[in-house]
């Protein structure tokens, strides 16, 4: 059973898969994040949560404000 969670609440060191970006993130910012590789189905690694959410999407490291990370929906990767 997969649970949809906000990126801001995932512990550092976790691997997740991006589900969607909420409408609360303005269209221009969503477009920028997509250009950096944030797309549905993309695996992400959470590097840190404080003072900002820092993620690794393939080879791209991104720092996100918590106000943005709260509206990026992810699911945990299935453990093998």
C-alpha atoms as a PDB file:
ATOM      1  CA  UNK A   1       0.000   0.000   0.000  1.00  0.00           C
ATOM      2  CA  UNK A   2       1.634   3.206  -1.196  1.00  0.00           C
ATOM      3  CA  UNK A   3       1.032   6.395   0.748  1.00  0.00           C
ATOM      4  CA  UNK A   4       1.201   9.857  -0.775  1.00  0.00           C
ATOM      5  CA  UNK A   5       3.312  12.105   1.434  1.00  0.00           C
ATOM      6  CA  UNK A   6       4.620  15.677   1.193  1.00  0.00           C
ATOM      7  CA  UNK A   7       8.327  15.814   0.382  1.00  0.00           C
ATOM      8  CA  UNK A   8       8.936  18.113   3.386  1.00  0.00           C
ATOM      9  CA  UNK A   9       8.049  15.284   5.800  1.00  0.00           C
ATOM     10  CA  UNK A  10      10.355  12.566   4.414  1.00  0.00           C
ATOM     11  CA  UNK A  11      13.480  11.894   6.517  1.00  0.00           C
ATOM     12  CA  UNK A  12      16.940  12.593   5.076  1.00  0.00           C
ATOM     13  CA  UNK A  13      18.494   9.496   3.527  1.00  0.00           C
ATOM     14  CA  UNK A  14      15.164   8.241   2.144  1.00  0.00           C
ATOM     15  CA  UNK A  15      14.509   7.294  -1.461  1.00  0.00           C
ATOM     16  CA  UNK A  16      11.126   8.311  -2.866  1.00  0.00           C
ATOM     17  CA  UNK A  17       9.346   8.598  -6.191  1.00  0.00           C
ATOM     18  CA  UNK A  18       7.735  11.872  -7.285  1.00  0.00           C
ATOM     19  CA  UNK A  19       3.979  11.617  -7.805  1.00  0.00           C
ATOM     20  CA  UNK A  20       2.892  15.216  -8.432  1.00  0.00           C
ATOM     21  CA  UNK A  21       3.433  18.889  -7.703  1.00  0.00           C
ATOM     22  CA  UNK A  22       0.479  20.612  -6.081  1.00  0.00           C
ATOM     23  CA  UNK A  23      -1.384  23.527  -7.630  1.00  0.00           C
ATOM     24  CA  UNK A  24      -0.194  25.599  -4.628  1.00  0.00           C
ATOM     25  CA  UNK A  25       3.196  25.903  -6.384  1.00  0.00           C
ATOM     26  CA  UNK A  26       2.846  28.645  -8.979  1.00  0.00           C
ATOM     27  CA  UNK A  27       2.951  27.611 -12.644  1.00  0.00           C
ATOM     28  CA  UNK A  28       6.278  29.345 -13.350  1.00  0.00           C
ATOM     29  CA  UNK A  29       7.982  27.620 -10.425  1.00  0.00           C
ATOM     30  CA  UNK A  30       6.493  24.224 -11.416  1.00  0.00           C
ATOM     31  CA  UNK A  31       7.896  24.799 -14.920  1.00  0.00           C
ATOM     32  CA  UNK A  32      11.352  25.561 -13.470  1.00  0.00           C
ATOM     33  CA  UNK A  33      11.293  22.463 -11.248  1.00  0.00           C
ATOM     34  CA  UNK A  34      10.282  20.320 -14.228  1.00  0.00           C
ATOM     35  CA  UNK A  35      13.213  21.769 -16.202  1.00  0.00           C
ATOM     36  CA  UNK A  36      15.517  20.639 -13.367  1.00  0.00           C
ATOM     37  CA  UNK A  37      14.211  17.094 -13.734  1.00  0.00           C
ATOM     38  CA  UNK A  38      11.328  16.920 -11.281  1.00  0.00           C
ATOM     39  CA  UNK A  39       8.745  14.894 -13.165  1.00  0.00           C
ATOM     40  CA  UNK A  40       6.148  12.318 -12.165  1.00  0.00           C
ATOM     41  CA  UNK A  41       7.726   8.922 -11.636  1.00  0.00           C
ATOM     42  CA  UNK A  42      11.221  10.334 -11.064  1.00  0.00           C
ATOM     43  CA  UNK A  43      13.177   8.744  -8.205  1.00  0.00           C
ATOM     44  CA  UNK A  44      14.534  11.224  -5.649  1.00  0.00           C
ATOM     45  CA  UNK A  45      16.944  10.914  -2.723  1.00  0.00           C
ATOM     46  CA  UNK A  46      16.402  13.246   0.237  1.00  0.00           C
ATOM     47  CA  UNK A  47      19.796  14.611   1.335  1.00  0.00           C
ATOM     48  CA  UNK A  48      18.645  16.938   4.138  1.00  0.00           C
ATOM     49  CA  UNK A  49      15.555  18.666   5.550  1.00  0.00           C
ATOM     50  CA  UNK A  50      17.104  21.514   7.556  1.00  0.00           C
ATOM     51  CA  UNK A  51      17.442  24.404   7.018  1.00  0.00           C
ATOM     52  CA  UNK A  52      16.019  23.593   3.557  1.00  0.00           C
ATOM     53  CA  UNK A  53      14.890  20.413   1.834  1.00  0.00           C
ATOM     54  CA  UNK A  54      17.780  19.256  -0.374  1.00  0.00           C
ATOM     55  CA  UNK A  55      17.127  16.492  -2.890  1.00  0.00           C
ATOM     56  CA  UNK A  56      19.089  14.638  -5.526  1.00  0.00           C
ATOM     57  CA  UNK A  57      17.242  13.978  -8.802  1.00  0.00           C
ATOM     58  CA  UNK A  58      19.646  11.866 -10.870  1.00  0.00           C
ATOM     59  CA  UNK A  59      22.751  14.100 -11.033  1.00  0.00           C
ATOM     60  CA  UNK A  60      20.996  17.344 -10.053  1.00  0.00           C
ATOM     61  CA  UNK A  61      21.011  18.549  -6.442  1.00  0.00           C
ATOM     62  CA  UNK A  62      18.200  20.975  -5.602  1.00  0.00           C
ATOM     63  CA  UNK A  63      17.492  23.012  -2.463  1.00  0.00           C
ATOM     64  CA  UNK A  64      13.797  23.701  -1.905  1.00  0.00           C
ATOM     65  CA  UNK A  65      12.072  25.919   0.629  1.00  0.00           C
ATOM     66  CA  UNK A  66       9.743  24.004   2.947  1.00  0.00           C
ATOM     67  CA  UNK A  67       6.836  26.075   1.614  1.00  0.00           C
ATOM     68  CA  UNK A  68       7.480  24.409  -1.770  1.00  0.00           C
ATOM     69  CA  UNK A  69       8.485  20.944  -0.495  1.00  0.00           C
ATOM     70  CA  UNK A  70       5.171  20.704   1.420  1.00  0.00           C
ATOM     71  CA  UNK A  71       3.330  20.709  -1.929  1.00  0.00           C
ATOM     72  CA  UNK A  72       5.472  18.139  -3.748  1.00  0.00           C
ATOM     73  CA  UNK A  73       3.838  14.727  -3.356  1.00  0.00           C
ATOM     74  CA  UNK A  74       5.947  11.584  -3.246  1.00  0.00           C
ATOM     75  CA  UNK A  75       5.680   7.906  -2.353  1.00  0.00           C
ATOM     76  CA  UNK A  76       8.322   5.820  -0.653  1.00  0.00           C
ATOM     77  CA  UNK A  77      10.205   3.385  -2.839  1.00  0.00           C
ATOM     78  CA  UNK A  78       9.298  -0.254  -2.216  1.00  0.00           C
ATOM     79  CA  UNK A  79      11.928  -1.966  -0.073  1.00  0.00           C
ATOM     80  CA  UNK A  80      13.546  -5.008  -1.639  1.00  0.00           C
END
